[in-house]
Amino acid sequence: MVIAPWIWSVTGCGAGEMHVLDRCLAAEPTPRQLEAADLVAWTAAHCLQDRGEDRPAMSDVVARLQAALELVRCDD
């Protein structure tokens, strides 16, 4: 699965702004991992809004990231 184009479409980042951090990725992510990745990407994209009032509150960011972590932990 190639996730970079999907991330670019969600965040608006160009190819020159992406860096591979882990070259040993799992063969195929689970549905819960994909849901967690979507939640993290959505949260990150909304944190980058130009106007402060359009960005989520930090408490919402924390809650979403905790929810994403729980999704991944449930796969263990």
PDB file of N, CA and C in Angstrom:
ATOM      1  N   MET A   1       0.853  -1.188   0.000  1.00  0.00           N
ATOM      2  CA  MET A   1       0.000   0.000   0.000  1.00  0.00           C
ATOM      3  C   MET A   1       0.889   1.238   0.000  1.00  0.00           C
ATOM      4  N   VAL A   2       0.613   2.147  -0.889  1.00  0.00           N
ATOM      5  CA  VAL A   2       1.357   3.395  -0.946  1.00  0.00           C
ATOM      6  C   VAL A   2       0.516   4.471  -0.263  1.00  0.00           C
ATOM      7  N   ILE A   3       0.968   4.914   0.898  1.00  0.00           N
ATOM      8  CA  ILE A   3       0.167   5.843   1.701  1.00  0.00           C
ATOM      9  C   ILE A   3       0.533   7.307   1.446  1.00  0.00           C
ATOM     10  N   ALA A   4       1.730   7.560   0.895  1.00  0.00           N
ATOM     11  CA  ALA A   4       2.178   8.946   0.716  1.00  0.00           C
ATOM     12  C   ALA A   4       1.213   9.791  -0.116  1.00  0.00           C
ATOM     13  N   PRO A   5       0.729   9.311  -1.287  1.00  0.00           N
ATOM     14  CA  PRO A   5      -0.207  10.154  -2.046  1.00  0.00           C
ATOM     15  C   PRO A   5      -1.478  10.475  -1.262  1.00  0.00           C
ATOM     16  N   TRP A   6      -1.938   9.514  -0.455  1.00  0.00           N
ATOM     17  CA  TRP A   6      -3.124   9.754   0.365  1.00  0.00           C
ATOM     18  C   TRP A   6      -2.835  10.839   1.395  1.00  0.00           C
ATOM     19  N   ILE A   7      -1.674  10.775   2.034  1.00  0.00           N
ATOM     20  CA  ILE A   7      -1.311  11.795   3.023  1.00  0.00           C
ATOM     21  C   ILE A   7      -1.217  13.158   2.350  1.00  0.00           C
ATOM     22  N   TRP A   8      -0.615  13.208   1.159  1.00  0.00           N
ATOM     23  CA  TRP A   8      -0.509  14.482   0.449  1.00  0.00           C
ATOM     24  C   TRP A   8      -1.891  15.052   0.152  1.00  0.00           C
ATOM     25  N   SER A   9      -2.825  14.179  -0.211  1.00  0.00           N
ATOM     26  CA  SER A   9      -4.171  14.667  -0.530  1.00  0.00           C
ATOM     27  C   SER A   9      -4.888  15.171   0.719  1.00  0.00           C
ATOM     28  N   VAL A  10      -4.616  14.557   1.879  1.00  0.00           N
ATOM     29  CA  VAL A  10      -5.266  14.962   3.120  1.00  0.00           C
ATOM     30  C   VAL A  10      -4.641  16.238   3.680  1.00  0.00           C
ATOM     31  N   THR A  11      -3.307  16.304   3.651  1.00  0.00           N
ATOM     32  CA  THR A  11      -2.608  17.423   4.297  1.00  0.00           C
ATOM     33  C   THR A  11      -2.263  18.553   3.354  1.00  0.00           C
ATOM     34  N   GLY A  12      -2.222  18.264   2.053  1.00  0.00           N
ATOM     35  CA  GLY A  12      -1.821  19.287   1.097  1.00  0.00           C
ATOM     36  C   GLY A  12      -0.311  19.430   0.979  1.00  0.00           C
ATOM     37  N   CYS A  13       0.452  18.545   1.651  1.00  0.00           N
ATOM     38  CA  CYS A  13       1.917  18.594   1.576  1.00  0.00           C
ATOM     39  C   CYS A  13       2.367  18.063   0.222  1.00  0.00           C
ATOM     40  N   GLY A  14       3.431  18.629  -0.291  1.00  0.00           N
ATOM     41  CA  GLY A  14       3.998  18.164  -1.542  1.00  0.00           C
ATOM     42  C   GLY A  14       5.030  17.089  -1.306  1.00  0.00           C
ATOM     43  N   ALA A  15       5.437  16.428  -2.376  1.00  0.00           N
ATOM     44  CA  ALA A  15       6.381  15.312  -2.269  1.00  0.00           C
ATOM     45  C   ALA A  15       7.705  15.748  -1.648  1.00  0.00           C
ATOM     46  N   GLY A  16       8.128  16.975  -1.874  1.00  0.00           N
ATOM     47  CA  GLY A  16       9.386  17.453  -1.323  1.00  0.00           C
ATOM     48  C   GLY A  16       9.357  17.653   0.171  1.00  0.00           C
ATOM     49  N   GLU A  17       8.186  17.601   0.777  1.00  0.00           N
ATOM     50  CA  GLU A  17       8.054  17.831   2.209  1.00  0.00           C
ATOM     51  C   GLU A  17       7.923  16.545   3.011  1.00  0.00           C
ATOM     52  N   MET A  18       7.922  15.386   2.360  1.00  0.00           N
ATOM     53  CA  MET A  18       7.728  14.115   3.049  1.00  0.00           C
ATOM     54  C   MET A  18       9.072  13.423   3.258  1.00  0.00           C
ATOM     55  N   HIS A  19       9.216  12.739   4.393  1.00  0.00           N
ATOM     56  CA  HIS A  19      10.415  11.967   4.695  1.00  0.00           C
ATOM     57  C   HIS A  19       9.993  10.619   5.254  1.00  0.00           C
ATOM     58  N   VAL A  20      10.653   9.557   4.820  1.00  0.00           N
ATOM     59  CA  VAL A  20      10.369   8.224   5.332  1.00  0.00           C
ATOM     60  C   VAL A  20      11.116   8.068   6.649  1.00  0.00           C
ATOM     61  N   LEU A  21      10.376   7.766   7.716  1.00  0.00           N
ATOM     62  CA  LEU A  21      10.988   7.597   9.020  1.00  0.00           C
ATOM     63  C   LEU A  21      11.257   6.132   9.336  1.00  0.00           C
ATOM     64  N   ASP A  22      10.460   5.240   8.792  1.00  0.00           N
ATOM     65  CA  ASP A  22      10.587   3.814   9.085  1.00  0.00           C
ATOM     66  C   ASP A  22      10.529   3.048   7.777  1.00  0.00           C
ATOM     67  N   ARG A  23      11.654   2.508   7.364  1.00  0.00           N
ATOM     68  CA  ARG A  23      11.695   1.765   6.102  1.00  0.00           C
ATOM     69  C   ARG A  23      11.293   0.304   6.292  1.00  0.00           C
ATOM     70  N   CYS A  24      10.993  -0.110   7.503  1.00  0.00           N
ATOM     71  CA  CYS A  24      10.602  -1.489   7.794  1.00  0.00           C
ATOM     72  C   CYS A  24       9.119  -1.541   8.147  1.00  0.00           C
ATOM     73  N   LEU A  25       8.288  -1.081   7.257  1.00  0.00           N
ATOM     74  CA  LEU A  25       6.851  -1.053   7.494  1.00  0.00           C
ATOM     75  C   LEU A  25       6.257  -2.452   7.381  1.00  0.00           C
ATOM     76  N   ALA A  26       5.183  -2.670   8.097  1.00  0.00           N
ATOM     77  CA  ALA A  26       4.479  -3.944   8.009  1.00  0.00           C
ATOM     78  C   ALA A  26       3.943  -4.130   6.592  1.00  0.00           C
ATOM     79  N   ALA A  27       3.767  -5.382   6.215  1.00  0.00           N
ATOM     80  CA  ALA A  27       3.326  -5.692   4.851  1.00  0.00           C
ATOM     81  C   ALA A  27       1.965  -5.077   4.531  1.00  0.00           C
ATOM     82  N   GLU A  28       1.016  -5.231   5.414  1.00  0.00           N
ATOM     83  CA  GLU A  28      -0.328  -4.710   5.165  1.00  0.00           C
ATOM     84  C   GLU A  28      -0.925  -4.239   6.495  1.00  0.00           C
ATOM     85  N   PRO A  29      -1.307  -2.974   6.595  1.00  0.00           N
ATOM     86  CA  PRO A  29      -1.883  -2.481   7.857  1.00  0.00           C
ATOM     87  C   PRO A  29      -3.270  -3.084   8.092  1.00  0.00           C
ATOM     88  N   THR A  30      -3.606  -3.222   9.348  1.00  0.00           N
ATOM     89  CA  THR A  30      -4.933  -3.724   9.708  1.00  0.00           C
ATOM     90  C   THR A  30      -5.949  -2.602   9.530  1.00  0.00           C
ATOM     91  N   PRO A  31      -7.229  -2.929   9.455  1.00  0.00           N
ATOM     92  CA  PRO A  31      -8.251  -1.886   9.355  1.00  0.00           C
ATOM     93  C   PRO A  31      -8.184  -0.881  10.518  1.00  0.00           C
ATOM     94  N   ARG A  32      -7.881  -1.368  11.719  1.00  0.00           N
ATOM     95  CA  ARG A  32      -7.786  -0.471  12.875  1.00  0.00           C
ATOM     96  C   ARG A  32      -6.585   0.461  12.745  1.00  0.00           C
ATOM     97  N   GLN A  33      -5.467  -0.046  12.217  1.00  0.00           N
ATOM     98  CA  GLN A  33      -4.297   0.797  11.989  1.00  0.00           C
ATOM     99  C   GLN A  33      -4.593   1.869  10.946  1.00  0.00           C
ATOM    100  N   LEU A  34      -5.322   1.495   9.905  1.00  0.00           N
ATOM    101  CA  LEU A  34      -5.702   2.475   8.890  1.00  0.00           C
ATOM    102  C   LEU A  34      -6.624   3.537   9.472  1.00  0.00           C
ATOM    103  N   GLU A  35      -7.543   3.116  10.326  1.00  0.00           N
ATOM    104  CA  GLU A  35      -8.443   4.078  10.982  1.00  0.00           C
ATOM    105  C   GLU A  35      -7.652   5.019  11.879  1.00  0.00           C
ATOM    106  N   ALA A  36      -6.672   4.479  12.606  1.00  0.00           N
ATOM    107  CA  ALA A  36      -5.829   5.302  13.470  1.00  0.00           C
ATOM    108  C   ALA A  36      -5.010   6.295  12.643  1.00  0.00           C
ATOM    109  N   ALA A  37      -4.447   5.833  11.524  1.00  0.00           N
ATOM    110  CA  ALA A  37      -3.667   6.715  10.654  1.00  0.00           C
ATOM    111  C   ALA A  37      -4.541   7.828  10.090  1.00  0.00           C
ATOM    112  N   ASP A  38      -5.757   7.485   9.704  1.00  0.00           N
ATOM    113  CA  ASP A  38      -6.693   8.486   9.193  1.00  0.00           C
ATOM    114  C   ASP A  38      -7.008   9.529  10.264  1.00  0.00           C
ATOM    115  N   LEU A  39      -7.205   9.078  11.489  1.00  0.00           N
ATOM    116  CA  LEU A  39      -7.516   9.990  12.589  1.00  0.00           C
ATOM    117  C   LEU A  39      -6.344  10.926  12.876  1.00  0.00           C
ATOM    118  N   VAL A  40      -5.127  10.385  12.867  1.00  0.00           N
ATOM    119  CA  VAL A  40      -3.931  11.210  13.101  1.00  0.00           C
ATOM    120  C   VAL A  40      -3.751  12.209  11.960  1.00  0.00           C
ATOM    121  N   ALA A  41      -3.906  11.749  10.716  1.00  0.00           N
ATOM    122  CA  ALA A  41      -3.746  12.649   9.565  1.00  0.00           C
ATOM    123  C   ALA A  41      -4.803  13.744   9.574  1.00  0.00           C
ATOM    124  N   TRP A  42      -6.051  13.387   9.878  1.00  0.00           N
ATOM    125  CA  TRP A  42      -7.126  14.376   9.940  1.00  0.00           C
ATOM    126  C   TRP A  42      -6.820  15.417  11.018  1.00  0.00           C
ATOM    127  N   THR A  43      -6.367  14.935  12.179  1.00  0.00           N
ATOM    128  CA  THR A  43      -6.042  15.835  13.283  1.00  0.00           C
ATOM    129  C   THR A  43      -4.910  16.773  12.886  1.00  0.00           C
ATOM    130  N   ALA A  44      -3.863  16.223  12.299  1.00  0.00           N
ATOM    131  CA  ALA A  44      -2.718  17.036  11.882  1.00  0.00           C
ATOM    132  C   ALA A  44      -3.136  18.081  10.849  1.00  0.00           C
ATOM    133  N   ALA A  45      -3.940  17.671   9.883  1.00  0.00           N
ATOM    134  CA  ALA A  45      -4.384  18.606   8.846  1.00  0.00           C
ATOM    135  C   ALA A  45      -5.185  19.753   9.447  1.00  0.00           C
ATOM    136  N   HIS A  46      -6.028  19.464  10.415  1.00  0.00           N
ATOM    137  CA  HIS A  46      -6.833  20.516  11.029  1.00  0.00           C
ATOM    138  C   HIS A  46      -6.008  21.418  11.941  1.00  0.00           C
ATOM    139  N   CYS A  47      -4.917  20.898  12.477  1.00  0.00           N
ATOM    140  CA  CYS A  47      -4.027  21.721  13.308  1.00  0.00           C
ATOM    141  C   CYS A  47      -3.260  22.745  12.470  1.00  0.00           C
ATOM    142  N   LEU A  48      -3.214  22.539  11.156  1.00  0.00           N
ATOM    143  CA  LEU A  48      -2.458  23.423  10.271  1.00  0.00           C
ATOM    144  C   LEU A  48      -3.306  24.533   9.655  1.00  0.00           C
ATOM    145  N   GLN A  49      -4.521  24.674  10.107  1.00  0.00           N
ATOM    146  CA  GLN A  49      -5.382  25.742   9.570  1.00  0.00           C
ATOM    147  C   GLN A  49      -4.743  27.100   9.834  1.00  0.00           C
ATOM    148  N   ASP A  50      -4.898  28.027   8.902  1.00  0.00           N
ATOM    149  CA  ASP A  50      -4.289  29.354   9.025  1.00  0.00           C
ATOM    150  C   ASP A  50      -4.844  30.145  10.205  1.00  0.00           C
ATOM    151  N   ARG A  51      -6.141  30.081  10.376  1.00  0.00           N
ATOM    152  CA  ARG A  51      -6.772  30.869  11.442  1.00  0.00           C
ATOM    153  C   ARG A  51      -6.891  30.036  12.716  1.00  0.00           C
ATOM    154  N   GLY A  52      -6.479  30.614  13.826  1.00  0.00           N
ATOM    155  CA  GLY A  52      -6.498  29.920  15.099  1.00  0.00           C
ATOM    156  C   GLY A  52      -7.857  29.381  15.482  1.00  0.00           C
ATOM    157  N   GLU A  53      -8.904  30.152  15.183  1.00  0.00           N
ATOM    158  CA  GLU A  53     -10.251  29.703  15.555  1.00  0.00           C
ATOM    159  C   GLU A  53     -10.714  28.493  14.735  1.00  0.00           C
ATOM    160  N   ASP A  54     -10.020  28.201  13.631  1.00  0.00           N
ATOM    161  CA  ASP A  54     -10.352  27.039  12.811  1.00  0.00           C
ATOM    162  C   ASP A  54      -9.613  25.778  13.265  1.00  0.00           C
ATOM    163  N   ARG A  55      -8.633  25.943  14.147  1.00  0.00           N
ATOM    164  CA  ARG A  55      -7.866  24.805  14.651  1.00  0.00           C
ATOM    165  C   ARG A  55      -8.576  24.174  15.843  1.00  0.00           C
ATOM    166  N   PRO A  56      -8.397  22.861  16.043  1.00  0.00           N
ATOM    167  CA  PRO A  56      -9.026  22.210  17.197  1.00  0.00           C
ATOM    168  C   PRO A  56      -8.342  22.633  18.497  1.00  0.00           C
ATOM    169  N   ALA A  57      -9.088  22.576  19.585  1.00  0.00           N
ATOM    170  CA  ALA A  57      -8.514  22.849  20.906  1.00  0.00           C
ATOM    171  C   ALA A  57      -7.518  21.745  21.238  1.00  0.00           C
ATOM    172  N   MET A  58      -6.522  22.058  22.055  1.00  0.00           N
ATOM    173  CA  MET A  58      -5.531  21.058  22.427  1.00  0.00           C
ATOM    174  C   MET A  58      -6.177  19.846  23.099  1.00  0.00           C
ATOM    175  N   SER A  59      -7.222  20.069  23.872  1.00  0.00           N
ATOM    176  CA  SER A  59      -7.904  18.948  24.521  1.00  0.00           C
ATOM    177  C   SER A  59      -8.504  18.007  23.474  1.00  0.00           C
ATOM    178  N   ASP A  60      -8.991  18.564  22.363  1.00  0.00           N
ATOM    179  CA  ASP A  60      -9.519  17.732  21.279  1.00  0.00           C
ATOM    180  C   ASP A  60      -8.398  16.968  20.574  1.00  0.00           C
ATOM    181  N   VAL A  61      -7.262  17.634  20.380  1.00  0.00           N
ATOM    182  CA  VAL A  61      -6.114  16.980  19.751  1.00  0.00           C
ATOM    183  C   VAL A  61      -5.667  15.800  20.606  1.00  0.00           C
ATOM    184  N   VAL A  62      -5.535  16.028  21.905  1.00  0.00           N
ATOM    185  CA  VAL A  62      -5.113  14.960  22.818  1.00  0.00           C
ATOM    186  C   VAL A  62      -6.110  13.805  22.776  1.00  0.00           C
ATOM    187  N   ALA A  63      -7.389  14.117  22.814  1.00  0.00           N
ATOM    188  CA  ALA A  63      -8.413  13.065  22.797  1.00  0.00           C
ATOM    189  C   ALA A  63      -8.343  12.252  21.504  1.00  0.00           C
ATOM    190  N   ARG A  64      -8.150  12.911  20.377  1.00  0.00           N
ATOM    191  CA  ARG A  64      -8.080  12.200  19.094  1.00  0.00           C
ATOM    192  C   ARG A  64      -6.829  11.328  19.013  1.00  0.00           C
ATOM    193  N   LEU A  65      -5.696  11.850  19.489  1.00  0.00           N
ATOM    194  CA  LEU A  65      -4.468  11.058  19.462  1.00  0.00           C
ATOM    195  C   LEU A  65      -4.553   9.872  20.417  1.00  0.00           C
ATOM    196  N   GLN A  66      -5.183  10.060  21.559  1.00  0.00           N
ATOM    197  CA  GLN A  66      -5.392   8.943  22.480  1.00  0.00           C
ATOM    198  C   GLN A  66      -6.304   7.893  21.853  1.00  0.00           C
ATOM    199  N   ALA A  67      -7.328   8.339  21.142  1.00  0.00           N
ATOM    200  CA  ALA A  67      -8.237   7.407  20.465  1.00  0.00           C
ATOM    201  C   ALA A  67      -7.480   6.616  19.396  1.00  0.00           C
ATOM    202  N   ALA A  68      -6.601   7.288  18.658  1.00  0.00           N
ATOM    203  CA  ALA A  68      -5.807   6.598  17.634  1.00  0.00           C
ATOM    204  C   ALA A  68      -4.884   5.570  18.280  1.00  0.00           C
ATOM    205  N   LEU A  69      -4.279   5.928  19.390  1.00  0.00           N
ATOM    206  CA  LEU A  69      -3.403   4.999  20.098  1.00  0.00           C
ATOM    207  C   LEU A  69      -4.172   3.782  20.581  1.00  0.00           C
ATOM    208  N   GLU A  70      -5.364   3.987  21.088  1.00  0.00           N
ATOM    209  CA  GLU A  70      -6.203   2.875  21.560  1.00  0.00           C
ATOM    210  C   GLU A  70      -6.568   1.950  20.391  1.00  0.00           C
ATOM    211  N   LEU A  71      -6.835   2.522  19.232  1.00  0.00           N
ATOM    212  CA  LEU A  71      -7.156   1.698  18.070  1.00  0.00           C
ATOM    213  C   LEU A  71      -5.997   0.763  17.736  1.00  0.00           C
ATOM    214  N   VAL A  72      -4.783   1.282  17.802  1.00  0.00           N
ATOM    215  CA  VAL A  72      -3.605   0.480  17.478  1.00  0.00           C
ATOM    216  C   VAL A  72      -3.338  -0.536  18.580  1.00  0.00           C
ATOM    217  N   ARG A  73      -3.502  -0.141  19.822  1.00  0.00           N
ATOM    218  CA  ARG A  73      -3.278  -1.063  20.939  1.00  0.00           C
ATOM    219  C   ARG A  73      -4.238  -2.237  20.917  1.00  0.00           C
ATOM    220  N   CYS A  74      -5.433  -2.023  20.439  1.00  0.00           N
ATOM    221  CA  CYS A  74      -6.433  -3.096  20.393  1.00  0.00           C
ATOM    222  C   CYS A  74      -6.065  -4.172  19.385  1.00  0.00           C
ATOM    223  N   ASP A  75      -5.137  -3.875  18.482  1.00  0.00           N
ATOM    224  CA  ASP A  75      -4.687  -4.865  17.497  1.00  0.00           C
ATOM    225  C   ASP A  75      -3.721  -5.872  18.089  1.00  0.00           C
ATOM    226  N   ASP A  76      -3.126  -5.550  19.229  1.00  0.00           N
ATOM    227  CA  ASP A  76      -2.115  -6.443  19.839  1.00  0.00           C
ATOM    228  C   ASP A  76      -2.721  -7.706  20.373  1.00  0.00           C
TER     229      ASP A  76
END
